All heavy atoms as atom14 arrays in JSON, in Angstrom:
{
  "sequence": "GRSRWKAIHWLAYAMWPDALFHAAGIGTDTPLGFQLAL",
  "atom14_mask": [
    [1, 1, 1, 1, 0, 0, 0, 0, 0, 0, 0, 0, 0, 0],
    [1, 1, 1, 1, 1, 1, 1, 1, 1, 1, 1, 0, 0, 0],
    [1, 1, 1, 1, 1, 1, 0, 0, 0, 0, 0, 0, 0, 0],
    [1, 1, 1, 1, 1, 1, 1, 1, 1, 1, 1, 0, 0, 0],
    [1, 1, 1, 1, 1, 1, 1, 1, 1, 1, 1, 1, 1, 1],
    [1, 1, 1, 1, 1, 1, 1, 1, 1, 0, 0, 0, 0, 0],
    [1, 1, 1, 1, 1, 0, 0, 0, 0, 0, 0, 0, 0, 0],
    [1, 1, 1, 1, 1, 1, 1, 1, 0, 0, 0, 0, 0, 0],
    [1, 1, 1, 1, 1, 1, 1, 1, 1, 1, 0, 0, 0, 0],
    [1, 1, 1, 1, 1, 1, 1, 1, 1, 1, 1, 1, 1, 1],
    [1, 1, 1, 1, 1, 1, 1, 1, 0, 0, 0, 0, 0, 0],
    [1, 1, 1, 1, 1, 0, 0, 0, 0, 0, 0, 0, 0, 0],
    [1, 1, 1, 1, 1, 1, 1, 1, 1, 1, 1, 1, 0, 0],
    [1, 1, 1, 1, 1, 0, 0, 0, 0, 0, 0, 0, 0, 0],
    [1, 1, 1, 1, 1, 1, 1, 1, 0, 0, 0, 0, 0, 0],
    [1, 1, 1, 1, 1, 1, 1, 1, 1, 1, 1, 1, 1, 1],
    [1, 1, 1, 1, 1, 1, 1, 0, 0, 0, 0, 0, 0, 0],
    [1, 1, 1, 1, 1, 1, 1, 1, 0, 0, 0, 0, 0, 0],
    [1, 1, 1, 1, 1, 0, 0, 0, 0, 0, 0, 0, 0, 0],
    [1, 1, 1, 1, 1, 1, 1, 1, 0, 0, 0, 0, 0, 0],
    [1, 1, 1, 1, 1, 1, 1, 1, 1, 1, 1, 0, 0, 0],
    [1, 1, 1, 1, 1, 1, 1, 1, 1, 1, 0, 0, 0, 0],
    [1, 1, 1, 1, 1, 0, 0, 0, 0, 0, 0, 0, 0, 0],
    [1, 1, 1, 1, 1, 0, 0, 0, 0, 0, 0, 0, 0, 0],
    [1, 1, 1, 1, 0, 0, 0, 0, 0, 0, 0, 0, 0, 0],
    [1, 1, 1, 1, 1, 1, 1, 1, 0, 0, 0, 0, 0, 0],
    [1, 1, 1, 1, 0, 0, 0, 0, 0, 0, 0, 0, 0, 0],
    [1, 1, 1, 1, 1, 1, 1, 0, 0, 0, 0, 0, 0, 0],
    [1, 1, 1, 1, 1, 1, 1, 1, 0, 0, 0, 0, 0, 0],
    [1, 1, 1, 1, 1, 1, 1, 0, 0, 0, 0, 0, 0, 0],
    [1, 1, 1, 1, 1, 1, 1, 0, 0, 0, 0, 0, 0, 0],
    [1, 1, 1, 1, 1, 1, 1, 1, 0, 0, 0, 0, 0, 0],
    [1, 1, 1, 1, 0, 0, 0, 0, 0, 0, 0, 0, 0, 0],
    [1, 1, 1, 1, 1, 1, 1, 1, 1, 1, 1, 0, 0, 0],
    [1, 1, 1, 1, 1, 1, 1, 1, 1, 0, 0, 0, 0, 0],
    [1, 1, 1, 1, 1, 1, 1, 1, 0, 0, 0, 0, 0, 0],
    [1, 1, 1, 1, 1, 0, 0, 0, 0, 0, 0, 0, 0, 0],
    [1, 1, 1, 1, 1, 1, 1, 1, 0, 0, 0, 0, 0, 0]
  ],
  "atom14_positions": [
    [[-24.29, -3.96, 8.11], [-24.53, -5.23, 7.43], [-23.26, -5.8, 6.81], [-22.36, -5.05, 6.42], [0.0, 0.0, 0.0], [0.0, 0.0, 0.0], [0.0, 0.0, 0.0], [0.0, 0.0, 0.0], [0.0, 0.0, 0.0], [0.0, 0.0, 0.0], [0.0, 0.0, 0.0], [0.0, 0.0, 0.0], [0.0, 0.0, 0.0], [0.0, 0.0, 0.0]],
    [[-23.22, -7.1, 6.73], [-22.01, -7.77, 6.24], [-21.73, -7.47, 4.77], [-20.57, -7.31, 4.38], [-22.13, -9.29, 6.46], [-20.92, -10.05, 5.96], [-21.01, -11.53, 6.29], [-19.89, -12.26, 5.73], [-18.68, -12.3, 6.27], [-18.46, -11.66, 7.41], [-17.7, -12.98, 5.7], [0.0, 0.0, 0.0], [0.0, 0.0, 0.0], [0.0, 0.0, 0.0]],
    [[-22.76, -7.4, 3.95], [-22.54, -7.19, 2.52], [-21.92, -5.82, 2.25], [-20.99, -5.71, 1.44], [-23.86, -7.35, 1.76], [-24.82, -6.41, 2.23], [0.0, 0.0, 0.0], [0.0, 0.0, 0.0], [0.0, 0.0, 0.0], [0.0, 0.0, 0.0], [0.0, 0.0, 0.0], [0.0, 0.0, 0.0], [0.0, 0.0, 0.0], [0.0, 0.0, 0.0]],
    [[-22.41, -4.78, 2.92], [-21.85, -3.45, 2.74], [-20.43, -3.38, 3.29], [-19.55, -2.77, 2.68], [-22.73, -2.4, 3.42], [-24.09, -2.21, 2.77], [-24.91, -1.18, 3.5], [-26.22, -1.0, 2.9], [-27.16, -0.21, 3.39], [-26.93, 0.48, 4.51], [-28.33, -0.1, 2.78], [0.0, 0.0, 0.0], [0.0, 0.0, 0.0], [0.0, 0.0, 0.0]],
    [[-20.26, -3.99, 4.45], [-18.92, -3.99, 5.04], [-17.92, -4.69, 4.14], [-16.79, -4.21, 3.92], [-18.96, -4.69, 6.41], [-17.58, -5.0, 6.92], [-16.73, -4.14, 7.54], [-16.9, -6.26, 6.84], [-15.55, -4.8, 7.85], [-15.63, -6.09, 7.44], [-17.26, -7.52, 6.33], [-14.71, -7.13, 7.52], [-16.34, -8.55, 6.41], [-15.08, -8.35, 7.0]],
    [[-18.32, -5.82, 3.58], [-17.42, -6.57, 2.71], [-17.08, -5.79, 1.45], [-15.93, -5.8, 0.98], [-18.06, -7.91, 2.35], [-17.1, -8.89, 1.68], [-17.74, -10.25, 1.51], [-16.75, -11.23, 0.91], [-17.36, -12.59, 0.74], [0.0, 0.0, 0.0], [0.0, 0.0, 0.0], [0.0, 0.0, 0.0], [0.0, 0.0, 0.0], [0.0, 0.0, 0.0]],
    [[-18.07, -5.08, 0.9], [-17.83, -4.28, -0.29], [-16.81, -3.17, -0.02], [-15.91, -2.92, -0.83], [-19.14, -3.69, -0.8], [0.0, 0.0, 0.0], [0.0, 0.0, 0.0], [0.0, 0.0, 0.0], [0.0, 0.0, 0.0], [0.0, 0.0, 0.0], [0.0, 0.0, 0.0], [0.0, 0.0, 0.0], [0.0, 0.0, 0.0], [0.0, 0.0, 0.0]],
    [[-16.95, -2.51, 1.14], [-16.0, -1.45, 1.5], [-14.64, -2.03, 1.83], [-13.6, -1.43, 1.54], [-16.56, -0.63, 2.68], [-17.86, 0.07, 2.26], [-15.54, 0.4, 3.16], [-18.56, 0.8, 3.38], [0.0, 0.0, 0.0], [0.0, 0.0, 0.0], [0.0, 0.0, 0.0], [0.0, 0.0, 0.0], [0.0, 0.0, 0.0], [0.0, 0.0, 0.0]],
    [[-14.63, -3.23, 2.41], [-13.37, -3.86, 2.8], [-12.49, -4.18, 1.59], [-11.28, -4.32, 1.73], [-13.65, -5.14, 3.59], [-12.61, -5.44, 4.62], [-12.52, -4.77, 5.82], [-11.59, -6.33, 4.62], [-11.52, -5.24, 6.52], [-10.92, -6.19, 5.81], [0.0, 0.0, 0.0], [0.0, 0.0, 0.0], [0.0, 0.0, 0.0], [0.0, 0.0, 0.0]],
    [[-13.1, -4.3, 0.41], [-12.32, -4.54, -0.8], [-11.42, -3.35, -1.12], [-10.49, -3.48, -1.93], [-13.26, -4.82, -1.97], [-13.71, -6.26, -2.04], [-14.82, -6.79, -1.47], [-13.04, -7.34, -2.7], [-14.91, -8.14, -1.74], [-13.83, -8.49, -2.51], [-11.89, -7.43, -3.46], [-13.47, -9.73, -3.02], [-11.52, -8.67, -3.98], [-12.31, -9.8, -3.75]],
    [[-11.67, -2.19, -0.5], [-10.81, -1.03, -0.71], [-9.39, -1.3, -0.25], [-8.46, -0.61, -0.68], [-11.37, 0.18, 0.03], [-12.7, 0.75, -0.49], [-13.18, 1.87, 0.44], [-12.56, 1.25, -1.91], [0.0, 0.0, 0.0], [0.0, 0.0, 0.0], [0.0, 0.0, 0.0], [0.0, 0.0, 0.0], [0.0, 0.0, 0.0], [0.0, 0.0, 0.0]],
    [[-9.22, -2.27, 0.63], [-7.87, -2.6, 1.1], [-6.97, -3.03, -0.05], [-5.76, -2.81, -0.02], [-7.95, -3.7, 2.16], [0.0, 0.0, 0.0], [0.0, 0.0, 0.0], [0.0, 0.0, 0.0], [0.0, 0.0, 0.0], [0.0, 0.0, 0.0], [0.0, 0.0, 0.0], [0.0, 0.0, 0.0], [0.0, 0.0, 0.0], [0.0, 0.0, 0.0]],
    [[-7.57, -3.66, -1.06], [-6.78, -4.1, -2.2], [-6.29, -2.91, -3.04], [-5.3, -3.03, -3.76], [-7.6, -5.05, -3.09], [-7.8, -6.41, -2.48], [-8.92, -6.7, -1.72], [-6.85, -7.41, -2.63], [-9.11, -7.95, -1.14], [-7.01, -8.66, -2.07], [-8.15, -8.93, -1.32], [-8.32, -10.16, -0.76], [0.0, 0.0, 0.0], [0.0, 0.0, 0.0]],
    [[-6.98, -1.79, -2.97], [-6.5, -0.57, -3.63], [-5.55, 0.21, -2.72], [-4.64, 0.89, -3.2], [-7.69, 0.32, -4.0], [0.0, 0.0, 0.0], [0.0, 0.0, 0.0], [0.0, 0.0, 0.0], [0.0, 0.0, 0.0], [0.0, 0.0, 0.0], [0.0, 0.0, 0.0], [0.0, 0.0, 0.0], [0.0, 0.0, 0.0], [0.0, 0.0, 0.0]],
    [[-5.76, 0.11, -1.42], [-4.93, 0.83, -0.47], [-3.49, 0.34, -0.48], [-2.55, 1.14, -0.43], [-5.51, 0.68, 0.94], [-4.67, 1.25, 2.06], [-5.2, 0.63, 3.66], [-4.75, -1.12, 3.52], [0.0, 0.0, 0.0], [0.0, 0.0, 0.0], [0.0, 0.0, 0.0], [0.0, 0.0, 0.0], [0.0, 0.0, 0.0], [0.0, 0.0, 0.0]],
    [[-3.31, -0.98, -0.59], [-1.97, -1.55, -0.47], [-1.01, -1.09, -1.57], [0.07, -0.57, -1.28], [-2.07, -3.08, -0.41], [-0.75, -3.74, -0.34], [0.07, -3.86, 0.73], [-0.06, -4.38, -1.43], [1.23, -4.52, 0.4], [1.17, -4.86, -0.92], [-0.37, -4.59, -2.77], [2.08, -5.53, -1.71], [0.54, -5.27, -3.56], [1.74, -5.73, -3.04]],
    [[-1.34, -1.24, -2.87], [-0.42, -0.74, -3.89], [-0.28, 0.77, -3.85], [0.8, 1.32, -4.15], [-1.05, -1.21, -5.21], [-2.47, -1.45, -4.91], [-2.52, -1.9, -3.48], [0.0, 0.0, 0.0], [0.0, 0.0, 0.0], [0.0, 0.0, 0.0], [0.0, 0.0, 0.0], [0.0, 0.0, 0.0], [0.0, 0.0, 0.0], [0.0, 0.0, 0.0]],
    [[-1.34, 1.47, -3.47], [-1.28, 2.92, -3.34], [-0.23, 3.32, -2.32], [0.58, 4.23, -2.55], [-2.66, 3.43, -2.93], [-2.81, 4.92, -3.16], [-2.05, 5.47, -3.97], [-3.68, 5.54, -2.54], [0.0, 0.0, 0.0], [0.0, 0.0, 0.0], [0.0, 0.0, 0.0], [0.0, 0.0, 0.0], [0.0, 0.0, 0.0], [0.0, 0.0, 0.0]],
    [[-0.23, 2.63, -1.18], [0.75, 2.93, -0.13], [2.17, 2.6, -0.58], [3.13, 3.33, -0.25], [0.39, 2.16, 1.14], [0.0, 0.0, 0.0], [0.0, 0.0, 0.0], [0.0, 0.0, 0.0], [0.0, 0.0, 0.0], [0.0, 0.0, 0.0], [0.0, 0.0, 0.0], [0.0, 0.0, 0.0], [0.0, 0.0, 0.0], [0.0, 0.0, 0.0]],
    [[2.33, 1.52, -1.34], [3.67, 1.13, -1.81], [4.22, 2.17, -2.79], [5.39, 2.55, -2.71], [3.62, -0.25, -2.45], [3.87, -1.45, -1.54], [3.89, -2.73, -2.35], [5.17, -1.29, -0.76], [0.0, 0.0, 0.0], [0.0, 0.0, 0.0], [0.0, 0.0, 0.0], [0.0, 0.0, 0.0], [0.0, 0.0, 0.0], [0.0, 0.0, 0.0]],
    [[3.39, 2.61, -3.72], [3.84, 3.63, -4.67], [4.15, 4.94, -3.95], [5.09, 5.65, -4.32], [2.77, 3.85, -5.75], [2.85, 2.89, -6.9], [2.0, 1.79, -6.95], [3.78, 3.07, -7.9], [2.07, 0.9, -8.01], [3.86, 2.18, -8.97], [3.01, 1.09, -9.02], [0.0, 0.0, 0.0], [0.0, 0.0, 0.0], [0.0, 0.0, 0.0]],
    [[3.36, 5.27, -2.93], [3.63, 6.47, -2.12], [4.99, 6.36, -1.45], [5.8, 7.3, -1.52], [2.53, 6.63, -1.07], [2.95, 7.47, 0.1], [3.12, 8.84, 0.05], [3.23, 7.09, 1.39], [3.49, 9.28, 1.23], [3.57, 8.26, 2.06], [0.0, 0.0, 0.0], [0.0, 0.0, 0.0], [0.0, 0.0, 0.0], [0.0, 0.0, 0.0]],
    [[5.24, 5.23, -0.81], [6.5, 5.06, -0.08], [7.7, 5.09, -1.03], [8.72, 5.73, -0.74], [6.47, 3.74, 0.69], [0.0, 0.0, 0.0], [0.0, 0.0, 0.0], [0.0, 0.0, 0.0], [0.0, 0.0, 0.0], [0.0, 0.0, 0.0], [0.0, 0.0, 0.0], [0.0, 0.0, 0.0], [0.0, 0.0, 0.0], [0.0, 0.0, 0.0]],
    [[7.58, 4.41, -2.16], [8.69, 4.37, -3.11], [8.92, 5.72, -3.77], [10.06, 6.13, -4.01], [8.43, 3.3, -4.17], [0.0, 0.0, 0.0], [0.0, 0.0, 0.0], [0.0, 0.0, 0.0], [0.0, 0.0, 0.0], [0.0, 0.0, 0.0], [0.0, 0.0, 0.0], [0.0, 0.0, 0.0], [0.0, 0.0, 0.0], [0.0, 0.0, 0.0]],
    [[7.82, 6.43, -4.06], [7.95, 7.69, -4.77], [8.43, 8.85, -3.93], [9.17, 9.71, -4.41], [0.0, 0.0, 0.0], [0.0, 0.0, 0.0], [0.0, 0.0, 0.0], [0.0, 0.0, 0.0], [0.0, 0.0, 0.0], [0.0, 0.0, 0.0], [0.0, 0.0, 0.0], [0.0, 0.0, 0.0], [0.0, 0.0, 0.0], [0.0, 0.0, 0.0]],
    [[8.06, 8.87, -2.67], [8.4, 10.02, -1.83], [9.57, 9.74, -0.9], [10.2, 10.66, -0.38], [7.18, 10.46, -1.0], [7.31, 11.92, -0.57], [6.97, 9.55, 0.22], [6.07, 12.48, 0.08], [0.0, 0.0, 0.0], [0.0, 0.0, 0.0], [0.0, 0.0, 0.0], [0.0, 0.0, 0.0], [0.0, 0.0, 0.0], [0.0, 0.0, 0.0]],
    [[9.89, 8.47, -0.68], [10.95, 8.11, 0.27], [12.34, 8.4, -0.27], [12.68, 7.98, -1.37], [0.0, 0.0, 0.0], [0.0, 0.0, 0.0], [0.0, 0.0, 0.0], [0.0, 0.0, 0.0], [0.0, 0.0, 0.0], [0.0, 0.0, 0.0], [0.0, 0.0, 0.0], [0.0, 0.0, 0.0], [0.0, 0.0, 0.0], [0.0, 0.0, 0.0]],
    [[13.15, 9.09, 0.52], [14.53, 9.37, 0.1], [15.44, 8.17, 0.29], [16.56, 8.17, -0.21], [15.08, 10.57, 0.89], [14.97, 10.29, 2.3], [14.27, 11.83, 0.59], [0.0, 0.0, 0.0], [0.0, 0.0, 0.0], [0.0, 0.0, 0.0], [0.0, 0.0, 0.0], [0.0, 0.0, 0.0], [0.0, 0.0, 0.0], [0.0, 0.0, 0.0]],
    [[14.98, 7.16, 1.04], [15.81, 5.98, 1.29], [15.43, 4.81, 0.4], [15.9, 3.69, 0.61], [15.7, 5.56, 2.76], [14.25, 5.36, 3.19], [13.34, 5.65, 2.38], [14.02, 4.91, 4.33], [0.0, 0.0, 0.0], [0.0, 0.0, 0.0], [0.0, 0.0, 0.0], [0.0, 0.0, 0.0], [0.0, 0.0, 0.0], [0.0, 0.0, 0.0]],
    [[14.61, 5.05, -0.62], [14.17, 3.96, -1.5], [15.34, 3.23, -2.16], [15.3, 2.0, -2.27], [13.21, 4.51, -2.57], [12.02, 4.98, -1.93], [12.81, 3.42, -3.57], [0.0, 0.0, 0.0], [0.0, 0.0, 0.0], [0.0, 0.0, 0.0], [0.0, 0.0, 0.0], [0.0, 0.0, 0.0], [0.0, 0.0, 0.0], [0.0, 0.0, 0.0]],
    [[16.41, 3.91, -2.63], [17.5, 3.18, -3.3], [18.33, 2.29, -2.38], [19.13, 1.5, -2.87], [18.37, 4.31, -3.89], [17.5, 5.53, -3.88], [16.6, 5.37, -2.71], [0.0, 0.0, 0.0], [0.0, 0.0, 0.0], [0.0, 0.0, 0.0], [0.0, 0.0, 0.0], [0.0, 0.0, 0.0], [0.0, 0.0, 0.0], [0.0, 0.0, 0.0]],
    [[18.18, 2.42, -1.06], [18.97, 1.62, -0.15], [18.61, 0.14, -0.26], [17.45, -0.21, -0.45], [18.77, 2.1, 1.29], [19.16, 3.56, 1.58], [18.92, 3.89, 3.05], [20.61, 3.8, 1.2], [0.0, 0.0, 0.0], [0.0, 0.0, 0.0], [0.0, 0.0, 0.0], [0.0, 0.0, 0.0], [0.0, 0.0, 0.0], [0.0, 0.0, 0.0]],
    [[19.61, -0.7, -0.11], [19.39, -2.14, -0.26], [18.38, -2.69, 0.72], [17.53, -3.52, 0.36], [0.0, 0.0, 0.0], [0.0, 0.0, 0.0], [0.0, 0.0, 0.0], [0.0, 0.0, 0.0], [0.0, 0.0, 0.0], [0.0, 0.0, 0.0], [0.0, 0.0, 0.0], [0.0, 0.0, 0.0], [0.0, 0.0, 0.0], [0.0, 0.0, 0.0]],
    [[18.44, -2.24, 1.98], [17.49, -2.72, 2.98], [16.07, -2.34, 2.61], [15.14, -3.15, 2.74], [17.85, -2.14, 4.35], [16.82, -2.42, 5.41], [16.76, -3.67, 6.01], [15.89, -1.45, 5.78], [15.8, -3.95, 6.99], [14.94, -1.73, 6.76], [14.9, -2.97, 7.36], [0.0, 0.0, 0.0], [0.0, 0.0, 0.0], [0.0, 0.0, 0.0]],
    [[15.88, -1.11, 2.13], [14.53, -0.66, 1.78], [14.0, -1.41, 0.56], [12.83, -1.79, 0.52], [14.56, 0.85, 1.49], [13.18, 1.48, 1.42], [12.45, 1.45, 2.75], [13.06, 1.61, 3.8], [11.16, 1.22, 2.7], [0.0, 0.0, 0.0], [0.0, 0.0, 0.0], [0.0, 0.0, 0.0], [0.0, 0.0, 0.0], [0.0, 0.0, 0.0]],
    [[14.86, -1.65, -0.41], [14.44, -2.42, -1.58], [14.07, -3.85, -1.2], [13.1, -4.42, -1.72], [15.56, -2.43, -2.62], [15.86, -1.09, -3.3], [17.07, -1.22, -4.21], [14.65, -0.6, -4.08], [0.0, 0.0, 0.0], [0.0, 0.0, 0.0], [0.0, 0.0, 0.0], [0.0, 0.0, 0.0], [0.0, 0.0, 0.0], [0.0, 0.0, 0.0]],
    [[14.84, -4.43, -0.26], [14.52, -5.78, 0.21], [13.18, -5.8, 0.94], [12.39, -6.75, 0.81], [15.63, -6.29, 1.13], [0.0, 0.0, 0.0], [0.0, 0.0, 0.0], [0.0, 0.0, 0.0], [0.0, 0.0, 0.0], [0.0, 0.0, 0.0], [0.0, 0.0, 0.0], [0.0, 0.0, 0.0], [0.0, 0.0, 0.0], [0.0, 0.0, 0.0]],
    [[12.89, -4.74, 1.69], [11.62, -4.65, 2.41], [10.45, -4.54, 1.43], [9.42, -5.22, 1.6], [11.63, -3.44, 3.34], [10.4, -3.25, 4.25], [10.24, -4.46, 5.17], [10.55, -1.98, 5.07], [0.0, 0.0, 0.0], [0.0, 0.0, 0.0], [0.0, 0.0, 0.0], [0.0, 0.0, 0.0], [0.0, 0.0, 0.0], [0.0, 0.0, 0.0]]
  ]
}
């Protein structure tokens, strides 16, 4: 059903910052200028 799907789809808004903090926290190339620009 659309209502349940839409409710679960809101998880994407939690996934995105979670992935960014993961990449910044664990990545050894985070201080590089290109990575910061990305």
